[in-house]
Amino acid sequence: MSNNLRPSGAYCELKALLQLRFAARGLQLFTRKPSTSTLAGGLRTRFRGRGIDFEEVRTYQPGDDIRNIDWRVTARTQITHTKLFTEERERPVLIISDQRSPMFFGSQQCFKSVSSAHLSTLLAWTALAHGDRVGAMIFGNTSQQDIRPRRSKHAVLELIHQLCDFNKALSSPVPQADDISLLQMIEEARRIAKPGSAVFISSDFHDWSEACEEPLFQLQRHTDVTLFHIYDHLETHLPKSGLFTITDGLQRHSLAAGNRAINKSFQDRFTQRLSRITKACQKMGVSLVSFATHDDLNTGMRELYGKKSRKPKARP
């Protein structure tokens, strides 16, 4: 993958987000399964429920819903057959991007806000390429922008322009008391997301709390939720040597990087927060993926959603 498609810098660029449509060609958000039936459809997803599209007819098996018996085939063959259904080919994909102040930070390659913008755009181009409806919610410190899900290039272009606007409005990594919280973001997602939607949330989850678990669980009950945790290497480990300065925007302090107690406390805080999020997601059945700002985002996405070749492997 060309390096010019990798996120970089403190602010995202419109041209770079537009070029991500080329990276999306090798991705597929939902798995496809070939069927042995000549009447079968090709799509299979992780979503709950019977769906609405007819897939195939097969021999009735104990436990099948008798309401789905195909009486015509049964009468013709004198063997009971039942209809199988699969999810519709076109579905809403809701992409939620965190562009709040704490995302305006990065020590390598790019800022977290830029990584979130690239990830959101890559998901949008991929969904559109496979005929899914694309919608979005972009959150800034005090405002949000909702994009109605639709199967149109204009939806992705609107998402890109809004991401650039919210991203370029950032100027400080310090949050304010009245900023939109992660809890509010999840509750808004519950309000917007329709049952059966695929919901992707990219954030650093810096303000994760137990209060977020209940609305996230309610969201997961009717949608397929994936959380993308965006972090920077400097948030996991302090510099190994020398002096460094920290500030909350009002006060400034210098610390010795070689202080083991400070280093351990710093590392433990990050590890414990991520552990809480991971355990909560495991309990609710929510997918959680972590990306660092210095990671090759395109390579990571190909590992998650890359199209797998169906060519048989050569035998030794």
C-alpha atoms as a PDB file:
ATOM      1  CA  MET A   1       0.000   0.000   0.000  1.00  0.00           C
ATOM      2  CA  SER A   2       1.378   3.387  -0.952  1.00  0.00           C
ATOM      3  CA  ASN A   3       2.623   5.491   1.933  1.00  0.00           C
ATOM      4  CA  ASN A   4       0.604   8.460   0.698  1.00  0.00           C
ATOM      5  CA  LEU A   5      -2.528   6.609   1.820  1.00  0.00           C
ATOM      6  CA  ARG A   6      -1.289   6.381   5.408  1.00  0.00           C
ATOM      7  CA  PRO A   7      -2.633   8.997   7.853  1.00  0.00           C
ATOM      8  CA  SER A   8      -0.061  11.602   8.826  1.00  0.00           C
ATOM      9  CA  GLY A   9       0.235  14.966  10.500  1.00  0.00           C
ATOM     10  CA  ALA A  10      -1.924  16.940  12.903  1.00  0.00           C
ATOM     11  CA  TYR A  11      -4.811  17.521  10.485  1.00  0.00           C
ATOM     12  CA  CYS A  12      -6.394  15.323   7.848  1.00  0.00           C
ATOM     13  CA  GLU A  13      -6.329  16.335   4.205  1.00  0.00           C
ATOM     14  CA  LEU A  14      -9.304  16.176   1.865  1.00  0.00           C
ATOM     15  CA  LYS A  15      -7.250  14.698  -0.984  1.00  0.00           C
ATOM     16  CA  ALA A  16      -5.934  11.881   1.219  1.00  0.00           C
ATOM     17  CA  LEU A  17      -9.440  10.911   2.362  1.00  0.00           C
ATOM     18  CA  LEU A  18     -10.689  10.863  -1.231  1.00  0.00           C
ATOM     19  CA  GLN A  19      -7.809   8.602  -2.267  1.00  0.00           C
ATOM     20  CA  LEU A  20      -8.791   6.028   0.344  1.00  0.00           C
ATOM     21  CA  ARG A  21     -11.422   4.740  -2.070  1.00  0.00           C
ATOM     22  CA  PHE A  22      -8.572   2.873  -3.771  1.00  0.00           C
ATOM     23  CA  ALA A  23      -7.530   1.213  -0.492  1.00  0.00           C
ATOM     24  CA  ALA A  24     -11.147   0.158   0.090  1.00  0.00           C
ATOM     25  CA  ARG A  25     -11.200  -1.999  -3.041  1.00  0.00           C
ATOM     26  CA  GLY A  26      -9.525  -4.865  -1.227  1.00  0.00           C
ATOM     27  CA  LEU A  27     -11.782  -4.739   1.833  1.00  0.00           C
ATOM     28  CA  GLN A  28     -15.104  -6.352   2.683  1.00  0.00           C
ATOM     29  CA  LEU A  29     -16.929  -5.582   5.926  1.00  0.00           C
ATOM     30  CA  PHE A  30     -19.206  -8.603   5.821  1.00  0.00           C
ATOM     31  CA  THR A  31     -18.357 -12.203   5.068  1.00  0.00           C
ATOM     32  CA  ARG A  32     -19.718 -13.937   2.015  1.00  0.00           C
ATOM     33  CA  LYS A  33     -20.488 -17.631   1.865  1.00  0.00           C
ATOM     34  CA  PRO A  34     -20.886 -19.675  -1.318  1.00  0.00           C
ATOM     35  CA  SER A  35     -23.976 -21.867  -1.339  1.00  0.00           C
ATOM     36  CA  THR A  36     -24.456 -25.292  -2.842  1.00  0.00           C
ATOM     37  CA  SER A  37     -27.972 -24.437  -3.998  1.00  0.00           C
ATOM     38  CA  THR A  38     -28.708 -23.004  -7.439  1.00  0.00           C
ATOM     39  CA  LEU A  39     -31.378 -20.823  -5.792  1.00  0.00           C
ATOM     40  CA  ALA A  40     -29.017 -19.362  -3.214  1.00  0.00           C
ATOM     41  CA  GLY A  41     -27.914 -15.825  -2.553  1.00  0.00           C
ATOM     42  CA  GLY A  42     -24.319 -15.056  -1.687  1.00  0.00           C
ATOM     43  CA  LEU A  43     -24.351 -12.854   1.402  1.00  0.00           C
ATOM     44  CA  ARG A  44     -24.045 -13.927   5.022  1.00  0.00           C
ATOM     45  CA  THR A  45     -23.429 -11.571   7.930  1.00  0.00           C
ATOM     46  CA  ARG A  46     -23.146 -11.748  11.697  1.00  0.00           C
ATOM     47  CA  PHE A  47     -26.457  -9.937  12.198  1.00  0.00           C
ATOM     48  CA  ARG A  48     -29.269 -11.475  14.238  1.00  0.00           C
ATOM     49  CA  GLY A  49     -32.656 -12.484  12.921  1.00  0.00           C
ATOM     50  CA  ARG A  50     -34.027 -14.289   9.902  1.00  0.00           C
ATOM     51  CA  GLY A  51     -33.605 -11.380   7.493  1.00  0.00           C
ATOM     52  CA  ILE A  52     -35.886 -10.760   4.516  1.00  0.00           C
ATOM     53  CA  ASP A  53     -34.133 -12.163   1.444  1.00  0.00           C
ATOM     54  CA  PHE A  54     -34.825 -15.696   0.227  1.00  0.00           C
ATOM     55  CA  GLU A  55     -31.640 -17.752   0.095  1.00  0.00           C
ATOM     56  CA  GLU A  56     -32.426 -21.390  -0.768  1.00  0.00           C
ATOM     57  CA  VAL A  57     -34.694 -24.405  -0.258  1.00  0.00           C
ATOM     58  CA  ARG A  58     -33.455 -27.487   1.531  1.00  0.00           C
ATOM     59  CA  THR A  59     -34.865 -30.640   3.137  1.00  0.00           C
ATOM     60  CA  TYR A  60     -36.819 -29.969   6.311  1.00  0.00           C
ATOM     61  CA  GLN A  61     -34.916 -30.733   9.504  1.00  0.00           C
ATOM     62  CA  PRO A  62     -36.288 -31.144  13.044  1.00  0.00           C
ATOM     63  CA  GLY A  63     -36.432 -27.750  14.706  1.00  0.00           C
ATOM     64  CA  ASP A  64     -37.060 -25.749  11.513  1.00  0.00           C
ATOM     65  CA  ASP A  65     -39.907 -23.240  11.635  1.00  0.00           C
ATOM     66  CA  ILE A  66     -42.944 -24.939  10.072  1.00  0.00           C
ATOM     67  CA  ARG A  67     -44.111 -21.536   8.824  1.00  0.00           C
ATOM     68  CA  ASN A  68     -41.227 -21.593   6.351  1.00  0.00           C
ATOM     69  CA  ILE A  69     -42.161 -24.913   4.732  1.00  0.00           C
ATOM     70  CA  ASP A  70     -42.188 -24.619   0.932  1.00  0.00           C
ATOM     71  CA  TRP A  71     -45.420 -26.425   0.125  1.00  0.00           C
ATOM     72  CA  ARG A  72     -44.942 -26.323  -3.645  1.00  0.00           C
ATOM     73  CA  VAL A  73     -41.575 -28.073  -3.554  1.00  0.00           C
ATOM     74  CA  THR A  74     -42.892 -30.430  -0.882  1.00  0.00           C
ATOM     75  CA  ALA A  75     -45.877 -31.401  -3.066  1.00  0.00           C
ATOM     76  CA  ARG A  76     -43.690 -31.867  -6.141  1.00  0.00           C
ATOM     77  CA  THR A  77     -41.011 -34.004  -4.467  1.00  0.00           C
ATOM     78  CA  GLN A  78     -43.165 -35.644  -1.781  1.00  0.00           C
ATOM     79  CA  ILE A  79     -40.394 -34.688   0.666  1.00  0.00           C
ATOM     80  CA  THR A  80     -40.844 -31.846   3.120  1.00  0.00           C
ATOM     81  CA  HIS A  81     -38.694 -28.828   2.222  1.00  0.00           C
ATOM     82  CA  THR A  82     -38.216 -25.534   4.037  1.00  0.00           C
ATOM     83  CA  LYS A  83     -37.161 -22.071   2.893  1.00  0.00           C
ATOM     84  CA  LEU A  84     -34.031 -20.395   4.225  1.00  0.00           C
ATOM     85  CA  PHE A  85     -33.609 -16.653   4.412  1.00  0.00           C
ATOM     86  CA  THR A  86     -30.620 -14.359   4.762  1.00  0.00           C
ATOM     87  CA  GLU A  87     -30.043 -10.714   5.539  1.00  0.00           C
ATOM     88  CA  GLU A  88     -30.815  -8.139   2.898  1.00  0.00           C
ATOM     89  CA  ARG A  89     -27.903  -7.130   0.663  1.00  0.00           C
ATOM     90  CA  GLU A  90     -28.263  -3.433   1.401  1.00  0.00           C
ATOM     91  CA  ARG A  91     -28.101  -2.408   5.061  1.00  0.00           C
ATOM     92  CA  PRO A  92     -27.299   0.705   7.076  1.00  0.00           C
ATOM     93  CA  VAL A  93     -23.688   1.157   8.133  1.00  0.00           C
ATOM     94  CA  LEU A  94     -23.370   3.808  10.836  1.00  0.00           C
ATOM     95  CA  ILE A  95     -19.880   5.248  11.306  1.00  0.00           C
ATOM     96  CA  ILE A  96     -19.191   7.269  14.461  1.00  0.00           C
ATOM     97  CA  SER A  97     -16.004   9.335  14.581  1.00  0.00           C
ATOM     98  CA  ASP A  98     -14.681  11.023  17.719  1.00  0.00           C
ATOM     99  CA  GLN A  99     -13.227  14.438  16.870  1.00  0.00           C
ATOM    100  CA  ARG A 100     -13.149  15.842  20.398  1.00  0.00           C
ATOM    101  CA  SER A 101     -10.193  17.658  21.957  1.00  0.00           C
ATOM    102  CA  PRO A 102      -8.413  14.632  23.558  1.00  0.00           C
ATOM    103  CA  MET A 103      -8.149  13.127  20.071  1.00  0.00           C
ATOM    104  CA  PHE A 104      -5.966  16.110  19.063  1.00  0.00           C
ATOM    105  CA  PHE A 105      -2.793  14.396  20.200  1.00  0.00           C
ATOM    106  CA  GLY A 106      -0.066  12.275  18.682  1.00  0.00           C
ATOM    107  CA  SER A 107       3.655  11.684  19.010  1.00  0.00           C
ATOM    108  CA  GLN A 108       4.269   9.483  15.965  1.00  0.00           C
ATOM    109  CA  GLN A 109       3.000   9.523  12.383  1.00  0.00           C
ATOM    110  CA  CYS A 110      -0.303  11.322  13.045  1.00  0.00           C
ATOM    111  CA  PHE A 111      -2.738  12.589  15.659  1.00  0.00           C
ATOM    112  CA  LYS A 112      -5.475  10.318  16.973  1.00  0.00           C
ATOM    113  CA  SER A 113      -8.114  12.555  15.373  1.00  0.00           C
ATOM    114  CA  VAL A 114      -6.502  12.057  11.956  1.00  0.00           C
ATOM    115  CA  SER A 115      -6.352   8.299  12.451  1.00  0.00           C
ATOM    116  CA  SER A 116     -10.053   8.270  13.366  1.00  0.00           C
ATOM    117  CA  ALA A 117     -10.912  10.312  10.267  1.00  0.00           C
ATOM    118  CA  HIS A 118      -8.970   7.952   7.979  1.00  0.00           C
ATOM    119  CA  LEU A 119     -10.492   4.878   9.597  1.00  0.00           C
ATOM    120  CA  SER A 120     -14.022   6.279   9.294  1.00  0.00           C
ATOM    121  CA  THR A 121     -13.495   7.197   5.655  1.00  0.00           C
ATOM    122  CA  LEU A 122     -12.026   3.793   4.815  1.00  0.00           C
ATOM    123  CA  LEU A 123     -15.067   2.097   6.379  1.00  0.00           C
ATOM    124  CA  ALA A 124     -17.404   4.368   4.404  1.00  0.00           C
ATOM    125  CA  TRP A 125     -15.755   3.704   1.031  1.00  0.00           C
ATOM    126  CA  THR A 126     -15.740  -0.038   1.746  1.00  0.00           C
ATOM    127  CA  ALA A 127     -19.425  -0.113   2.685  1.00  0.00           C
ATOM    128  CA  LEU A 128     -20.410   1.890  -0.389  1.00  0.00           C
ATOM    129  CA  ALA A 129     -18.372  -0.375  -2.679  1.00  0.00           C
ATOM    130  CA  HIS A 130     -20.469  -3.344  -1.552  1.00  0.00           C
ATOM    131  CA  GLY A 131     -23.845  -1.645  -1.896  1.00  0.00           C
ATOM    132  CA  ASP A 132     -24.477  -0.835   1.770  1.00  0.00           C
ATOM    133  CA  ARG A 133     -26.100   2.378   2.930  1.00  0.00           C
ATOM    134  CA  VAL A 134     -23.601   4.693   4.604  1.00  0.00           C
ATOM    135  CA  GLY A 135     -24.476   7.020   7.468  1.00  0.00           C
ATOM    136  CA  ALA A 136     -22.376   8.760  10.075  1.00  0.00           C
ATOM    137  CA  MET A 137     -22.251  10.700  13.313  1.00  0.00           C
ATOM    138  CA  ILE A 138     -19.297  13.015  13.871  1.00  0.00           C
ATOM    139  CA  PHE A 139     -18.750  14.398  17.356  1.00  0.00           C
ATOM    140  CA  GLY A 140     -16.849  17.533  18.254  1.00  0.00           C
ATOM    141  CA  ASN A 141     -16.505  19.100  21.677  1.00  0.00           C
ATOM    142  CA  THR A 142     -19.912  20.763  21.766  1.00  0.00           C
ATOM    143  CA  SER A 143     -21.655  19.738  18.561  1.00  0.00           C
ATOM    144  CA  GLN A 144     -22.335  16.780  16.324  1.00  0.00           C
ATOM    145  CA  GLN A 145     -23.235  16.203  12.703  1.00  0.00           C
ATOM    146  CA  ASP A 146     -25.564  13.405  11.614  1.00  0.00           C
ATOM    147  CA  ILE A 147     -25.493  12.022   8.083  1.00  0.00           C
ATOM    148  CA  ARG A 148     -28.516  10.000   7.049  1.00  0.00           C
ATOM    149  CA  PRO A 149     -27.656   6.489   5.803  1.00  0.00           C
ATOM    150  CA  ARG A 150     -27.973   6.214   2.034  1.00  0.00           C
ATOM    151  CA  ARG A 151     -26.373   4.256  -0.751  1.00  0.00           C
ATOM    152  CA  SER A 152     -24.758   7.156  -2.515  1.00  0.00           C
ATOM    153  CA  LYS A 153     -21.299   8.542  -3.139  1.00  0.00           C
ATOM    154  CA  HIS A 154     -22.671  11.862  -1.908  1.00  0.00           C
ATOM    155  CA  ALA A 155     -23.083  10.367   1.575  1.00  0.00           C
ATOM    156  CA  VAL A 156     -19.383   9.463   1.695  1.00  0.00           C
ATOM    157  CA  LEU A 157     -18.361  12.853   0.313  1.00  0.00           C
ATOM    158  CA  GLU A 158     -20.506  14.594   2.926  1.00  0.00           C
ATOM    159  CA  LEU A 159     -18.847  12.465   5.604  1.00  0.00           C
ATOM    160  CA  ILE A 160     -15.385  13.412   4.325  1.00  0.00           C
ATOM    161  CA  HIS A 161     -16.125  17.140   4.248  1.00  0.00           C
ATOM    162  CA  GLN A 162     -17.640  17.061   7.729  1.00  0.00           C
ATOM    163  CA  LEU A 163     -14.669  15.118   9.073  1.00  0.00           C
ATOM    164  CA  CYS A 164     -12.290  17.719   7.660  1.00  0.00           C
ATOM    165  CA  ASP A 165     -14.331  20.569   9.145  1.00  0.00           C
ATOM    166  CA  PHE A 166     -14.498  19.029  12.621  1.00  0.00           C
ATOM    167  CA  ASN A 167     -10.858  17.970  12.452  1.00  0.00           C
ATOM    168  CA  LYS A 168      -9.557  21.404  11.484  1.00  0.00           C
ATOM    169  CA  ALA A 169     -11.594  23.013  14.290  1.00  0.00           C
ATOM    170  CA  LEU A 170      -9.390  21.249  16.863  1.00  0.00           C
ATOM    171  CA  SER A 171      -6.647  23.309  18.490  1.00  0.00           C
ATOM    172  CA  SER A 172      -6.058  21.839  21.945  1.00  0.00           C
ATOM    173  CA  PRO A 173      -6.025  18.330  23.487  1.00  0.00           C
ATOM    174  CA  VAL A 174      -7.493  19.617  26.752  1.00  0.00           C
ATOM    175  CA  PRO A 175     -11.203  18.800  27.252  1.00  0.00           C
ATOM    176  CA  GLN A 176     -13.674  21.130  28.898  1.00  0.00           C
ATOM    177  CA  ALA A 177     -16.279  20.290  31.527  1.00  0.00           C
ATOM    178  CA  ASP A 178     -19.226  20.905  29.199  1.00  0.00           C
ATOM    179  CA  ASP A 179     -17.878  18.857  26.279  1.00  0.00           C
ATOM    180  CA  ILE A 180     -19.926  16.011  24.816  1.00  0.00           C
ATOM    181  CA  SER A 181     -19.159  12.791  26.683  1.00  0.00           C
ATOM    182  CA  LEU A 182     -18.698   9.258  25.393  1.00  0.00           C
ATOM    183  CA  LEU A 183     -21.883   8.329  27.229  1.00  0.00           C
ATOM    184  CA  GLN A 184     -23.797  10.927  25.219  1.00  0.00           C
ATOM    185  CA  MET A 185     -22.225   9.645  22.004  1.00  0.00           C
ATOM    186  CA  ILE A 186     -23.409   6.080  22.665  1.00  0.00           C
ATOM    187  CA  GLU A 187     -26.888   7.264  23.653  1.00  0.00           C
ATOM    188  CA  GLU A 188     -27.127   9.275  20.437  1.00  0.00           C
ATOM    189  CA  ALA A 189     -26.053   6.190  18.487  1.00  0.00           C
ATOM    190  CA  ARG A 190     -28.920   4.263  20.098  1.00  0.00           C
ATOM    191  CA  ARG A 191     -31.309   6.953  18.928  1.00  0.00           C
ATOM    192  CA  ILE A 192     -30.061   6.984  15.346  1.00  0.00           C
ATOM    193  CA  ALA A 193     -29.087   3.368  14.605  1.00  0.00           C
ATOM    194  CA  LYS A 194     -31.845   1.210  13.157  1.00  0.00           C
ATOM    195  CA  PRO A 195     -32.108  -2.490  14.068  1.00  0.00           C
ATOM    196  CA  GLY A 196     -29.804  -4.590  11.919  1.00  0.00           C
ATOM    197  CA  SER A 197     -27.319  -1.790  11.346  1.00  0.00           C
ATOM    198  CA  ALA A 198     -23.565  -2.226  11.571  1.00  0.00           C
ATOM    199  CA  VAL A 199     -22.194   0.401  13.951  1.00  0.00           C
ATOM    200  CA  PHE A 200     -18.497   1.343  13.975  1.00  0.00           C
ATOM    201  CA  ILE A 201     -17.219   3.704  16.696  1.00  0.00           C
ATOM    202  CA  SER A 202     -13.669   5.088  16.544  1.00  0.00           C
ATOM    203  CA  SER A 203     -12.410   6.913  19.632  1.00  0.00           C
ATOM    204  CA  ASP A 204      -9.694   6.898  22.272  1.00  0.00           C
ATOM    205  CA  PHE A 205     -12.429   6.191  24.869  1.00  0.00           C
ATOM    206  CA  HIS A 206     -10.586   8.414  27.346  1.00  0.00           C
ATOM    207  CA  ASP A 207     -13.795   9.037  29.305  1.00  0.00           C
ATOM    208  CA  TRP A 208     -15.024   5.439  29.397  1.00  0.00           C
ATOM    209  CA  SER A 209     -16.984   4.636  32.555  1.00  0.00           C
ATOM    210  CA  GLU A 210     -19.331   1.975  33.861  1.00  0.00           C
ATOM    211  CA  ALA A 211     -22.216   4.239  32.887  1.00  0.00           C
ATOM    212  CA  CYS A 212     -21.347   3.592  29.225  1.00  0.00           C
ATOM    213  CA  GLU A 213     -21.937  -0.138  29.527  1.00  0.00           C
ATOM    214  CA  GLU A 214     -25.738  -0.140  29.760  1.00  0.00           C
ATOM    215  CA  PRO A 215     -26.448   1.999  26.652  1.00  0.00           C
ATOM    216  CA  LEU A 216     -23.747   0.111  24.743  1.00  0.00           C
ATOM    217  CA  PHE A 217     -25.390  -3.172  25.704  1.00  0.00           C
ATOM    218  CA  GLN A 218     -28.761  -1.842  24.524  1.00  0.00           C
ATOM    219  CA  LEU A 219     -27.162  -0.734  21.248  1.00  0.00           C
ATOM    220  CA  GLN A 220     -25.518  -4.140  20.757  1.00  0.00           C
ATOM    221  CA  ARG A 221     -28.820  -5.968  21.274  1.00  0.00           C
ATOM    222  CA  HIS A 222     -30.228  -4.722  17.958  1.00  0.00           C
ATOM    223  CA  THR A 223     -27.121  -3.823  15.952  1.00  0.00           C
ATOM    224  CA  ASP A 224     -23.648  -5.193  15.255  1.00  0.00           C
ATOM    225  CA  VAL A 225     -21.175  -2.958  17.131  1.00  0.00           C
ATOM    226  CA  THR A 226     -17.427  -2.671  16.577  1.00  0.00           C
ATOM    227  CA  LEU A 227     -15.276  -0.349  18.678  1.00  0.00           C
ATOM    228  CA  PHE A 228     -11.993   0.940  17.268  1.00  0.00           C
ATOM    229  CA  HIS A 229      -9.716   2.072  20.076  1.00  0.00           C
ATOM    230  CA  ILE A 230      -7.287   4.729  18.833  1.00  0.00           C
ATOM    231  CA  TYR A 231      -4.259   5.458  21.024  1.00  0.00           C
ATOM    232  CA  ASP A 232      -0.782   6.916  20.843  1.00  0.00           C
ATOM    233  CA  HIS A 233       2.401   5.163  21.944  1.00  0.00           C
ATOM    234  CA  LEU A 234       3.231   8.026  24.319  1.00  0.00           C
ATOM    235  CA  GLU A 235       0.008   7.274  26.209  1.00  0.00           C
ATOM    236  CA  THR A 236       1.307   3.799  27.059  1.00  0.00           C
ATOM    237  CA  HIS A 237       4.929   4.557  28.015  1.00  0.00           C
ATOM    238  CA  LEU A 238       6.766   7.661  29.108  1.00  0.00           C
ATOM    239  CA  PRO A 239      10.149   8.567  27.583  1.00  0.00           C
ATOM    240  CA  LYS A 240      12.941   6.364  28.911  1.00  0.00           C
ATOM    241  CA  SER A 241      15.335   9.155  29.813  1.00  0.00           C
ATOM    242  CA  GLY A 242      15.695  12.886  30.266  1.00  0.00           C
ATOM    243  CA  LEU A 243      13.180  15.475  31.436  1.00  0.00           C
ATOM    244  CA  PHE A 244       9.748  15.948  29.965  1.00  0.00           C
ATOM    245  CA  THR A 245       7.007  18.480  30.587  1.00  0.00           C
ATOM    246  CA  ILE A 246       3.332  17.828  31.178  1.00  0.00           C
ATOM    247  CA  THR A 247       0.512  20.349  31.288  1.00  0.00           C
ATOM    248  CA  ASP A 248      -3.258  20.484  31.660  1.00  0.00           C
ATOM    249  CA  GLY A 249      -3.432  23.744  29.746  1.00  0.00           C
ATOM    250  CA  LEU A 250      -3.200  25.811  32.898  1.00  0.00           C
ATOM    251  CA  GLN A 251      -0.299  24.417  34.885  1.00  0.00           C
ATOM    252  CA  ARG A 252       3.029  22.990  33.717  1.00  0.00           C
ATOM    253  CA  HIS A 253       5.328  20.527  35.493  1.00  0.00           C
ATOM    254  CA  SER A 254       8.646  18.882  34.602  1.00  0.00           C
ATOM    255  CA  LEU A 255       9.257  15.234  35.495  1.00  0.00           C
ATOM    256  CA  ALA A 256      12.219  12.902  35.293  1.00  0.00           C
ATOM    257  CA  ALA A 257      11.571  10.160  32.764  1.00  0.00           C
ATOM    258  CA  GLY A 258      13.758   7.690  34.646  1.00  0.00           C
ATOM    259  CA  ASN A 259      11.491   7.658  37.706  1.00  0.00           C
ATOM    260  CA  ARG A 260      10.310   4.030  37.876  1.00  0.00           C
ATOM    261  CA  ALA A 261       7.374   4.736  40.181  1.00  0.00           C
ATOM    262  CA  ILE A 262       6.000   7.412  37.875  1.00  0.00           C
ATOM    263  CA  ASN A 263       6.557   5.250  34.782  1.00  0.00           C
ATOM    264  CA  LYS A 264       4.811   2.255  36.328  1.00  0.00           C
ATOM    265  CA  SER A 265       1.875   4.337  37.539  1.00  0.00           C
ATOM    266  CA  PHE A 266       1.533   5.861  34.067  1.00  0.00           C
ATOM    267  CA  GLN A 267       1.607   2.484  32.332  1.00  0.00           C
ATOM    268  CA  ASP A 268      -0.790   0.901  34.831  1.00  0.00           C
ATOM    269  CA  ARG A 269      -3.350   3.638  34.313  1.00  0.00           C
ATOM    270  CA  PHE A 270      -3.486   2.996  30.559  1.00  0.00           C
ATOM    271  CA  THR A 271      -3.465  -0.790  30.958  1.00  0.00           C
ATOM    272  CA  GLN A 272      -6.221  -0.787  33.568  1.00  0.00           C
ATOM    273  CA  ARG A 273      -8.500   1.465  31.501  1.00  0.00           C
ATOM    274  CA  LEU A 274      -8.033  -0.693  28.411  1.00  0.00           C
ATOM    275  CA  SER A 275      -8.626  -3.814  30.499  1.00  0.00           C
ATOM    276  CA  ARG A 276     -11.945  -2.427  31.778  1.00  0.00           C
ATOM    277  CA  ILE A 277     -13.062  -1.641  28.241  1.00  0.00           C
ATOM    278  CA  THR A 278     -11.949  -5.060  26.982  1.00  0.00           C
ATOM    279  CA  LYS A 279     -13.773  -6.960  29.732  1.00  0.00           C
ATOM    280  CA  ALA A 280     -16.948  -4.953  29.202  1.00  0.00           C
ATOM    281  CA  CYS A 281     -16.859  -5.628  25.449  1.00  0.00           C
ATOM    282  CA  GLN A 282     -16.259  -9.343  25.978  1.00  0.00           C
ATOM    283  CA  LYS A 283     -19.205  -9.513  28.356  1.00  0.00           C
ATOM    284  CA  MET A 284     -21.512  -7.764  25.874  1.00  0.00           C
ATOM    285  CA  GLY A 285     -20.223  -9.476  22.742  1.00  0.00           C
ATOM    286  CA  VAL A 286     -18.929  -6.216  21.266  1.00  0.00           C
ATOM    287  CA  SER A 287     -15.913  -6.364  18.958  1.00  0.00           C
ATOM    288  CA  LEU A 288     -12.939  -4.271  20.077  1.00  0.00           C
ATOM    289  CA  VAL A 289      -9.939  -3.445  17.880  1.00  0.00           C
ATOM    290  CA  SER A 290      -6.980  -1.255  18.905  1.00  0.00           C
ATOM    291  CA  PHE A 291      -4.872   0.840  16.541  1.00  0.00           C
ATOM    292  CA  ALA A 292      -1.904   3.004  17.512  1.00  0.00           C
ATOM    293  CA  THR A 293      -1.234   6.227  15.627  1.00  0.00           C
ATOM    294  CA  HIS A 294       2.043   4.795  14.293  1.00  0.00           C
ATOM    295  CA  ASP A 295       0.410   1.598  13.033  1.00  0.00           C
ATOM    296  CA  ASP A 296      -0.093   1.070   9.318  1.00  0.00           C
ATOM    297  CA  LEU A 297      -3.858   1.530   9.370  1.00  0.00           C
ATOM    298  CA  ASN A 298      -4.406   0.213   5.850  1.00  0.00           C
ATOM    299  CA  THR A 299      -2.474  -2.978   6.572  1.00  0.00           C
ATOM    300  CA  GLY A 300      -4.385  -3.464   9.824  1.00  0.00           C
ATOM    301  CA  MET A 301      -7.712  -3.052   8.055  1.00  0.00           C
ATOM    302  CA  ARG A 302      -6.690  -5.535   5.369  1.00  0.00           C
ATOM    303  CA  GLU A 303      -5.906  -8.059   8.091  1.00  0.00           C
ATOM    304  CA  LEU A 304      -9.385  -7.521   9.547  1.00  0.00           C
ATOM    305  CA  TYR A 305     -11.497  -7.108   6.430  1.00  0.00           C
ATOM    306  CA  GLY A 306      -9.322  -8.142   3.507  1.00  0.00           C
ATOM    307  CA  LYS A 307     -10.976 -10.256   0.828  1.00  0.00           C
ATOM    308  CA  LYS A 308      -9.799 -13.826   1.162  1.00  0.00           C
ATOM    309  CA  SER A 309      -8.858 -15.682  -1.963  1.00  0.00           C
ATOM    310  CA  ARG A 310     -11.004 -18.701  -2.721  1.00  0.00           C
ATOM    311  CA  LYS A 311      -8.262 -20.371  -4.746  1.00  0.00           C
ATOM    312  CA  PRO A 312      -7.405 -23.775  -3.284  1.00  0.00           C
ATOM    313  CA  LYS A 313      -4.058 -23.968  -1.556  1.00  0.00           C
ATOM    314  CA  ALA A 314      -1.404 -26.012  -3.253  1.00  0.00           C
ATOM    315  CA  ARG A 315      -0.804 -29.305  -1.529  1.00  0.00           C
ATOM    316  CA  PRO A 316       2.752 -30.383  -0.752  1.00  0.00           C
END
